[in-house]
Amino acid sequence: MLKPKGQHPKPNWAELRLTDQIEPGVRVLLVGINPGVVSASTGHHFAGPTNRFWRLLYESGIVPEPVTHEDDVRLPQWGIGMTNLVARPSPGIDVIKPKEYLDGWLILERKIAKFRPEIVAFVGVTMYRALWKVLGHADAPEIRPGFQKATVHGARLFVLPNPSGRNANFSYAEMLAAFTLLRRAMRRLPGQTTVSARPQGRLPLVGASSKRPEGSGAGRLPQADGTAARTPTSRPAAARSRKAPHTRARSRS
């Protein structure tokens, strides 16, 4: 049967969905924007060949050994969960509609309420820019990597640069500095201990660092301690802040 003129079949990856890597007891929840084509096709998070996510996890000391996208199932061993804000895969984030971000937030909030992580880290400034109103800010905040002035169900919100190879807004050194800030914050969580390479079974978060950032990254990032007080409600409190400069991000996870 012929399709109507101008109508094209969806690509094979369009209906694929990734599986969340979250288990009870995770203390940090990493949130990607949405799956890329390679991630959707392989079934693993941040699988794009130019994506630096897994390298940054290791070099910042968040995980104790080199890992790849095929190791995403191991993240809960280190107290880390992984999900996406928008489930629909796409070649780039410029096709994601504002409503998809908001609909994704309703689902993500329920996950935060269920698993109660102590830190929720958005892997991409774009997500926080799309959600600042529902996160309780009175005005558009100036969004920089690090902790933000908002909490959700007691979880402190953290922003990381999108590690996509298409992201020209941050150098690799700046990305590494932001991931290192997250690792330092993870070490301050109650009961935090360090672990050795190749852990067996369920383990606490990693505290060992393997490499320090170089270049301009460390100078432009806030300290991990500069955060708002934790609140138990799903509607976070946020202080008024300056309006953020508009930068169109076209990178993706």
C-alpha atoms as a PDB file:
ATOM      1  CA  MET A   1       0.000   0.000   0.000  1.00  0.00           C
ATOM      2  CA  LEU A   2       1.385   3.373  -1.022  1.00  0.00           C
ATOM      3  CA  LYS A   3       1.819   6.042   1.617  1.00  0.00           C
ATOM      4  CA  PRO A   4       0.294   9.496   1.009  1.00  0.00           C
ATOM      5  CA  LYS A   5       2.611  11.897  -0.805  1.00  0.00           C
ATOM      6  CA  GLY A   6       4.965  13.713   1.568  1.00  0.00           C
ATOM      7  CA  GLN A   7       4.581  11.152   4.359  1.00  0.00           C
ATOM      8  CA  HIS A   8       7.718   9.265   5.361  1.00  0.00           C
ATOM      9  CA  PRO A   9       7.974   6.137   7.523  1.00  0.00           C
ATOM     10  CA  LYS A  10       9.537   6.554  10.926  1.00  0.00           C
ATOM     11  CA  PRO A  11      13.120   5.300  11.218  1.00  0.00           C
ATOM     12  CA  ASN A  12      13.626   2.031  13.085  1.00  0.00           C
ATOM     13  CA  TRP A  13      15.085   3.748  16.159  1.00  0.00           C
ATOM     14  CA  ALA A  14      12.209   6.239  16.581  1.00  0.00           C
ATOM     15  CA  GLU A  15      10.054   3.904  18.686  1.00  0.00           C
ATOM     16  CA  LEU A  16      12.893   2.532  20.814  1.00  0.00           C
ATOM     17  CA  ARG A  17      13.175   3.496  24.485  1.00  0.00           C
ATOM     18  CA  LEU A  18      16.046   3.173  26.959  1.00  0.00           C
ATOM     19  CA  THR A  19      15.741   1.381  30.281  1.00  0.00           C
ATOM     20  CA  ASP A  20      16.341   3.461  33.399  1.00  0.00           C
ATOM     21  CA  GLN A  21      19.258   2.322  35.505  1.00  0.00           C
ATOM     22  CA  ILE A  22      17.817   3.121  38.941  1.00  0.00           C
ATOM     23  CA  GLU A  23      17.592   0.938  42.029  1.00  0.00           C
ATOM     24  CA  PRO A  24      16.405   1.619  45.578  1.00  0.00           C
ATOM     25  CA  GLY A  25      19.197   3.255  47.546  1.00  0.00           C
ATOM     26  CA  VAL A  26      20.795   5.295  44.753  1.00  0.00           C
ATOM     27  CA  ARG A  27      22.058   8.560  46.181  1.00  0.00           C
ATOM     28  CA  VAL A  28      22.763  10.479  42.982  1.00  0.00           C
ATOM     29  CA  LEU A  29      20.424  10.480  39.964  1.00  0.00           C
ATOM     30  CA  LEU A  30      21.945  11.550  36.629  1.00  0.00           C
ATOM     31  CA  VAL A  31      19.403  12.860  34.121  1.00  0.00           C
ATOM     32  CA  GLY A  32      20.129  13.057  30.395  1.00  0.00           C
ATOM     33  CA  ILE A  33      18.065  15.188  28.009  1.00  0.00           C
ATOM     34  CA  ASN A  34      16.914  12.394  25.683  1.00  0.00           C
ATOM     35  CA  PRO A  35      18.521   9.426  23.918  1.00  0.00           C
ATOM     36  CA  GLY A  36      20.459   9.937  20.722  1.00  0.00           C
ATOM     37  CA  VAL A  37      20.144   7.636  17.747  1.00  0.00           C
ATOM     38  CA  VAL A  38      23.135   5.506  18.760  1.00  0.00           C
ATOM     39  CA  SER A  39      21.889   5.215  22.349  1.00  0.00           C
ATOM     40  CA  ALA A  40      18.425   4.173  21.180  1.00  0.00           C
ATOM     41  CA  SER A  41      19.893   1.638  18.755  1.00  0.00           C
ATOM     42  CA  THR A  42      22.302   0.067  21.275  1.00  0.00           C
ATOM     43  CA  GLY A  43      20.027   0.295  24.307  1.00  0.00           C
ATOM     44  CA  HIS A  44      22.665   2.123  26.392  1.00  0.00           C
ATOM     45  CA  HIS A  45      22.874   5.666  27.743  1.00  0.00           C
ATOM     46  CA  PHE A  46      25.326   8.217  26.269  1.00  0.00           C
ATOM     47  CA  ALA A  47      26.487   5.799  23.578  1.00  0.00           C
ATOM     48  CA  GLY A  48      27.336   8.371  20.904  1.00  0.00           C
ATOM     49  CA  PRO A  49      30.926   7.937  19.664  1.00  0.00           C
ATOM     50  CA  THR A  50      31.835  11.590  20.304  1.00  0.00           C
ATOM     51  CA  ASN A  51      30.157  11.820  23.701  1.00  0.00           C
ATOM     52  CA  ARG A  52      32.604  12.354  26.580  1.00  0.00           C
ATOM     53  CA  PHE A  53      30.229  11.339  29.392  1.00  0.00           C
ATOM     54  CA  TRP A  54      31.857   8.040  30.381  1.00  0.00           C
ATOM     55  CA  ARG A  55      35.371   9.434  30.131  1.00  0.00           C
ATOM     56  CA  LEU A  56      34.350  12.344  32.381  1.00  0.00           C
ATOM     57  CA  LEU A  57      32.824   9.990  34.954  1.00  0.00           C
ATOM     58  CA  TYR A  58      36.146   8.189  35.300  1.00  0.00           C
ATOM     59  CA  GLU A  59      38.558  11.122  35.041  1.00  0.00           C
ATOM     60  CA  SER A  60      36.585  13.108  37.627  1.00  0.00           C
ATOM     61  CA  GLY A  61      36.733  10.172  40.057  1.00  0.00           C
ATOM     62  CA  ILE A  62      32.964   9.580  40.149  1.00  0.00           C
ATOM     63  CA  VAL A  63      33.590   5.949  39.167  1.00  0.00           C
ATOM     64  CA  PRO A  64      36.796   4.079  40.100  1.00  0.00           C
ATOM     65  CA  GLU A  65      37.671   2.508  36.758  1.00  0.00           C
ATOM     66  CA  PRO A  66      37.323   3.246  33.027  1.00  0.00           C
ATOM     67  CA  VAL A  67      33.793   2.532  31.811  1.00  0.00           C
ATOM     68  CA  THR A  68      31.807   2.724  28.568  1.00  0.00           C
ATOM     69  CA  HIS A  69      28.131   2.992  27.679  1.00  0.00           C
ATOM     70  CA  GLU A  70      27.865  -0.793  28.020  1.00  0.00           C
ATOM     71  CA  ASP A  71      28.602  -0.350  31.741  1.00  0.00           C
ATOM     72  CA  ASP A  72      25.528   1.814  32.399  1.00  0.00           C
ATOM     73  CA  VAL A  73      23.894  -1.202  34.098  1.00  0.00           C
ATOM     74  CA  ARG A  74      26.676  -1.079  36.717  1.00  0.00           C
ATOM     75  CA  LEU A  75      26.020   2.493  37.872  1.00  0.00           C
ATOM     76  CA  PRO A  76      23.686   1.476  40.745  1.00  0.00           C
ATOM     77  CA  GLN A  77      26.606  -0.526  42.201  1.00  0.00           C
ATOM     78  CA  TRP A  78      28.192   2.847  42.940  1.00  0.00           C
ATOM     79  CA  GLY A  79      25.001   4.457  44.273  1.00  0.00           C
ATOM     80  CA  ILE A  80      24.285   6.237  40.966  1.00  0.00           C
ATOM     81  CA  GLY A  81      21.066   6.141  38.949  1.00  0.00           C
ATOM     82  CA  MET A  82      20.528   7.064  35.288  1.00  0.00           C
ATOM     83  CA  THR A  83      17.432   8.238  33.406  1.00  0.00           C
ATOM     84  CA  ASN A  84      16.365  10.728  30.717  1.00  0.00           C
ATOM     85  CA  LEU A  85      13.990  13.669  30.939  1.00  0.00           C
ATOM     86  CA  VAL A  86      12.481  12.965  27.506  1.00  0.00           C
ATOM     87  CA  ALA A  87      12.127   9.330  26.477  1.00  0.00           C
ATOM     88  CA  ARG A  88      11.770   9.951  22.737  1.00  0.00           C
ATOM     89  CA  PRO A  89      15.081   9.538  20.878  1.00  0.00           C
ATOM     90  CA  SER A  90      16.180  12.079  18.276  1.00  0.00           C
ATOM     91  CA  PRO A  91      19.319  13.027  16.298  1.00  0.00           C
ATOM     92  CA  GLY A  92      19.499  16.393  18.130  1.00  0.00           C
ATOM     93  CA  ILE A  93      17.760  18.281  20.929  1.00  0.00           C
ATOM     94  CA  ASP A  94      16.571  21.150  18.727  1.00  0.00           C
ATOM     95  CA  VAL A  95      13.545  19.035  17.722  1.00  0.00           C
ATOM     96  CA  ILE A  96      12.344  18.573  21.323  1.00  0.00           C
ATOM     97  CA  LYS A  97       9.222  20.653  21.998  1.00  0.00           C
ATOM     98  CA  PRO A  98       8.777  22.708  25.210  1.00  0.00           C
ATOM     99  CA  LYS A  99       5.803  20.529  26.166  1.00  0.00           C
ATOM    100  CA  GLU A 100       8.008  17.429  26.029  1.00  0.00           C
ATOM    101  CA  TYR A 101      10.315  18.927  28.653  1.00  0.00           C
ATOM    102  CA  LEU A 102       7.368  19.710  30.909  1.00  0.00           C
ATOM    103  CA  ASP A 103       5.738  16.314  30.405  1.00  0.00           C
ATOM    104  CA  GLY A 104       9.084  14.671  31.089  1.00  0.00           C
ATOM    105  CA  TRP A 105       9.415  16.644  34.296  1.00  0.00           C
ATOM    106  CA  LEU A 106       6.144  15.232  35.659  1.00  0.00           C
ATOM    107  CA  ILE A 107       7.523  11.717  35.168  1.00  0.00           C
ATOM    108  CA  LEU A 108      10.961  12.609  36.539  1.00  0.00           C
ATOM    109  CA  GLU A 109       9.466  14.178  39.665  1.00  0.00           C
ATOM    110  CA  ARG A 110       7.674  10.923  40.430  1.00  0.00           C
ATOM    111  CA  LYS A 111      10.958   9.027  40.080  1.00  0.00           C
ATOM    112  CA  ILE A 112      12.650  11.440  42.491  1.00  0.00           C
ATOM    113  CA  ALA A 113       9.792  11.005  44.976  1.00  0.00           C
ATOM    114  CA  LYS A 114      10.027   7.210  44.694  1.00  0.00           C
ATOM    115  CA  PHE A 115      13.791   6.689  44.927  1.00  0.00           C
ATOM    116  CA  ARG A 116      14.695   9.763  47.042  1.00  0.00           C
ATOM    117  CA  PRO A 117      18.230  10.461  45.782  1.00  0.00           C
ATOM    118  CA  GLU A 118      20.165  13.112  47.661  1.00  0.00           C
ATOM    119  CA  ILE A 119      21.442  14.791  44.491  1.00  0.00           C
ATOM    120  CA  VAL A 120      19.736  15.069  41.089  1.00  0.00           C
ATOM    121  CA  ALA A 121      22.224  16.095  38.390  1.00  0.00           C
ATOM    122  CA  PHE A 122      20.902  17.423  35.077  1.00  0.00           C
ATOM    123  CA  VAL A 123      23.410  16.508  32.365  1.00  0.00           C
ATOM    124  CA  GLY A 124      22.821  19.601  30.261  1.00  0.00           C
ATOM    125  CA  VAL A 125      22.118  23.274  30.987  1.00  0.00           C
ATOM    126  CA  THR A 126      19.299  23.152  28.422  1.00  0.00           C
ATOM    127  CA  MET A 127      17.087  21.092  30.735  1.00  0.00           C
ATOM    128  CA  TYR A 128      17.315  23.511  33.637  1.00  0.00           C
ATOM    129  CA  ARG A 129      16.683  26.438  31.300  1.00  0.00           C
ATOM    130  CA  ALA A 130      13.507  24.718  30.069  1.00  0.00           C
ATOM    131  CA  LEU A 131      12.267  23.887  33.587  1.00  0.00           C
ATOM    132  CA  TRP A 132      13.163  26.880  35.751  1.00  0.00           C
ATOM    133  CA  LYS A 133       9.531  27.935  36.234  1.00  0.00           C
ATOM    134  CA  VAL A 134       8.357  24.539  37.494  1.00  0.00           C
ATOM    135  CA  LEU A 135      11.456  24.346  39.689  1.00  0.00           C
ATOM    136  CA  GLY A 136      10.175  27.324  41.686  1.00  0.00           C
ATOM    137  CA  HIS A 137      12.294  30.220  40.425  1.00  0.00           C
ATOM    138  CA  ALA A 138      10.547  33.600  40.346  1.00  0.00           C
ATOM    139  CA  ASP A 139      12.792  34.843  37.523  1.00  0.00           C
ATOM    140  CA  ALA A 140      14.946  33.072  34.955  1.00  0.00           C
ATOM    141  CA  PRO A 141      18.129  32.198  36.887  1.00  0.00           C
ATOM    142  CA  GLU A 142      21.697  32.531  35.710  1.00  0.00           C
ATOM    143  CA  ILE A 143      22.520  28.866  35.175  1.00  0.00           C
ATOM    144  CA  ARG A 144      26.080  27.754  35.736  1.00  0.00           C
ATOM    145  CA  PRO A 145      27.437  24.253  36.364  1.00  0.00           C
ATOM    146  CA  GLY A 146      27.143  23.250  39.996  1.00  0.00           C
ATOM    147  CA  PHE A 147      24.375  23.286  42.602  1.00  0.00           C
ATOM    148  CA  GLN A 148      21.295  25.378  41.870  1.00  0.00           C
ATOM    149  CA  LYS A 149      19.084  27.254  44.328  1.00  0.00           C
ATOM    150  CA  ALA A 150      16.307  24.700  44.327  1.00  0.00           C
ATOM    151  CA  THR A 151      15.462  21.322  45.816  1.00  0.00           C
ATOM    152  CA  VAL A 152      12.898  18.679  44.856  1.00  0.00           C
ATOM    153  CA  HIS A 153      11.628  16.114  47.380  1.00  0.00           C
ATOM    154  CA  GLY A 154      14.711  16.883  49.469  1.00  0.00           C
ATOM    155  CA  ALA A 155      17.144  16.329  46.582  1.00  0.00           C
ATOM    156  CA  ARG A 156      19.603  19.089  45.781  1.00  0.00           C
ATOM    157  CA  LEU A 157      19.693  19.991  42.080  1.00  0.00           C
ATOM    158  CA  PHE A 158      23.020  20.051  40.248  1.00  0.00           C
ATOM    159  CA  VAL A 159      23.759  21.039  36.644  1.00  0.00           C
ATOM    160  CA  LEU A 160      26.507  19.501  34.502  1.00  0.00           C
ATOM    161  CA  PRO A 161      27.493  20.612  30.991  1.00  0.00           C
ATOM    162  CA  ASN A 162      26.201  18.409  28.197  1.00  0.00           C
ATOM    163  CA  PRO A 163      29.223  16.203  27.331  1.00  0.00           C
ATOM    164  CA  SER A 164      28.231  15.836  23.686  1.00  0.00           C
ATOM    165  CA  GLY A 165      30.958  16.413  21.127  1.00  0.00           C
ATOM    166  CA  ARG A 166      28.640  19.020  19.567  1.00  0.00           C
ATOM    167  CA  ASN A 167      28.649  21.196  22.685  1.00  0.00           C
ATOM    168  CA  ALA A 168      30.915  24.141  21.876  1.00  0.00           C
ATOM    169  CA  ASN A 169      29.808  26.185  24.896  1.00  0.00           C
ATOM    170  CA  PHE A 170      32.193  24.378  27.265  1.00  0.00           C
ATOM    171  CA  SER A 171      35.743  23.148  26.840  1.00  0.00           C
ATOM    172  CA  TYR A 172      36.637  19.661  28.004  1.00  0.00           C
ATOM    173  CA  ALA A 173      38.533  21.180  30.950  1.00  0.00           C
ATOM    174  CA  GLU A 174      35.388  23.050  32.009  1.00  0.00           C
ATOM    175  CA  MET A 175      33.301  19.904  31.700  1.00  0.00           C
ATOM    176  CA  LEU A 176      35.803  17.976  33.803  1.00  0.00           C
ATOM    177  CA  ALA A 177      35.818  20.722  36.435  1.00  0.00           C
ATOM    178  CA  ALA A 178      32.017  20.474  36.727  1.00  0.00           C
ATOM    179  CA  PHE A 179      32.069  16.667  37.013  1.00  0.00           C
ATOM    180  CA  THR A 180      34.811  16.991  39.640  1.00  0.00           C
ATOM    181  CA  LEU A 181      32.599  19.376  41.655  1.00  0.00           C
ATOM    182  CA  LEU A 182      29.904  16.708  41.628  1.00  0.00           C
ATOM    183  CA  ARG A 183      32.379  14.076  42.814  1.00  0.00           C
ATOM    184  CA  ARG A 184      33.418  16.344  45.711  1.00  0.00           C
ATOM    185  CA  ALA A 185      29.777  16.847  46.657  1.00  0.00           C
ATOM    186  CA  MET A 186      29.225  13.087  46.560  1.00  0.00           C
ATOM    187  CA  ARG A 187      32.112  12.593  48.976  1.00  0.00           C
ATOM    188  CA  ARG A 188      30.380  14.888  51.479  1.00  0.00           C
ATOM    189  CA  LEU A 189      27.237  12.782  51.623  1.00  0.00           C
ATOM    190  CA  PRO A 190      26.704  11.130  55.033  1.00  0.00           C
ATOM    191  CA  GLY A 191      28.358   7.737  55.308  1.00  0.00           C
ATOM    192  CA  GLN A 192      30.516   8.317  52.233  1.00  0.00           C
ATOM    193  CA  THR A 193      33.531   6.034  51.828  1.00  0.00           C
ATOM    194  CA  THR A 194      35.970   5.350  49.024  1.00  0.00           C
ATOM    195  CA  VAL A 195      36.020   2.109  47.055  1.00  0.00           C
ATOM    196  CA  SER A 196      38.633   0.247  45.064  1.00  0.00           C
ATOM    197  CA  ALA A 197      38.480  -0.674  41.395  1.00  0.00           C
ATOM    198  CA  ARG A 198      36.281  -3.510  40.156  1.00  0.00           C
ATOM    199  CA  PRO A 199      33.793  -3.479  43.046  1.00  0.00           C
ATOM    200  CA  GLN A 200      31.675  -6.515  43.765  1.00  0.00           C
ATOM    201  CA  GLY A 201      28.007  -6.198  44.754  1.00  0.00           C
ATOM    202  CA  ARG A 202      26.260  -3.029  45.907  1.00  0.00           C
ATOM    203  CA  LEU A 203      28.641  -0.329  47.069  1.00  0.00           C
ATOM    204  CA  PRO A 204      28.529   3.256  48.346  1.00  0.00           C
ATOM    205  CA  LEU A 205      29.419   6.199  46.147  1.00  0.00           C
ATOM    206  CA  VAL A 206      32.938   6.586  44.860  1.00  0.00           C
ATOM    207  CA  GLY A 207      35.180   9.149  46.506  1.00  0.00           C
ATOM    208  CA  ALA A 208      38.524   8.619  44.784  1.00  0.00           C
ATOM    209  CA  SER A 209      39.745  11.172  42.274  1.00  0.00           C
ATOM    210  CA  SER A 210      42.017  10.312  39.370  1.00  0.00           C
ATOM    211  CA  LYS A 211      42.634  13.558  37.521  1.00  0.00           C
ATOM    212  CA  ARG A 212      42.345  17.276  38.146  1.00  0.00           C
ATOM    213  CA  PRO A 213      40.962  19.682  35.553  1.00  0.00           C
ATOM    214  CA  GLU A 214      43.235  22.090  33.782  1.00  0.00           C
ATOM    215  CA  GLY A 215      42.639  25.333  31.991  1.00  0.00           C
ATOM    216  CA  SER A 216      39.778  27.770  32.487  1.00  0.00           C
ATOM    217  CA  GLY A 217      37.140  25.351  33.781  1.00  0.00           C
ATOM    218  CA  ALA A 218      37.873  25.561  37.487  1.00  0.00           C
ATOM    219  CA  GLY A 219      37.788  29.352  37.535  1.00  0.00           C
ATOM    220  CA  ARG A 220      34.249  29.771  36.253  1.00  0.00           C
ATOM    221  CA  LEU A 221      32.476  27.163  38.350  1.00  0.00           C
ATOM    222  CA  PRO A 222      30.847  27.773  41.740  1.00  0.00           C
ATOM    223  CA  GLN A 223      31.844  25.863  44.852  1.00  0.00           C
ATOM    224  CA  ALA A 224      29.772  22.799  45.587  1.00  0.00           C
ATOM    225  CA  ASP A 225      28.812  24.138  49.029  1.00  0.00           C
ATOM    226  CA  GLY A 226      26.940  27.173  47.715  1.00  0.00           C
ATOM    227  CA  THR A 227      23.456  25.642  47.781  1.00  0.00           C
ATOM    228  CA  ALA A 228      20.037  26.430  49.142  1.00  0.00           C
ATOM    229  CA  ALA A 229      18.657  24.636  52.184  1.00  0.00           C
ATOM    230  CA  ARG A 230      17.003  21.283  51.575  1.00  0.00           C
ATOM    231  CA  THR A 231      13.197  21.181  51.633  1.00  0.00           C
ATOM    232  CA  PRO A 232      10.943  18.117  51.794  1.00  0.00           C
ATOM    233  CA  THR A 233       8.370  19.398  49.303  1.00  0.00           C
ATOM    234  CA  SER A 234       8.155  18.840  45.567  1.00  0.00           C
ATOM    235  CA  ARG A 235       7.837  22.599  44.977  1.00  0.00           C
ATOM    236  CA  PRO A 236      11.381  23.915  45.598  1.00  0.00           C
ATOM    237  CA  ALA A 237      12.148  27.334  46.994  1.00  0.00           C
ATOM    238  CA  ALA A 238      14.371  29.545  44.884  1.00  0.00           C
ATOM    239  CA  ALA A 239      15.847  32.981  45.434  1.00  0.00           C
ATOM    240  CA  ARG A 240      15.502  35.695  42.820  1.00  0.00           C
ATOM    241  CA  SER A 241      18.491  35.848  40.541  1.00  0.00           C
ATOM    242  CA  ARG A 242      19.702  37.644  37.462  1.00  0.00           C
ATOM    243  CA  LYS A 243      18.310  36.706  34.073  1.00  0.00           C
ATOM    244  CA  ALA A 244      20.479  34.207  32.289  1.00  0.00           C
ATOM    245  CA  PRO A 245      22.055  35.117  28.937  1.00  0.00           C
ATOM    246  CA  HIS A 246      20.404  33.203  26.102  1.00  0.00           C
ATOM    247  CA  THR A 247      22.682  30.633  24.526  1.00  0.00           C
ATOM    248  CA  ARG A 248      21.129  28.211  22.066  1.00  0.00           C
ATOM    249  CA  ALA A 249      22.414  24.782  22.882  1.00  0.00           C
ATOM    250  CA  ARG A 250      22.261  22.246  20.084  1.00  0.00           C
ATOM    251  CA  SER A 251      24.303  19.533  21.715  1.00  0.00           C
ATOM    252  CA  ARG A 252      22.693  16.325  22.735  1.00  0.00           C
ATOM    253  CA  SER A 253      23.159  13.323  24.990  1.00  0.00           C
END
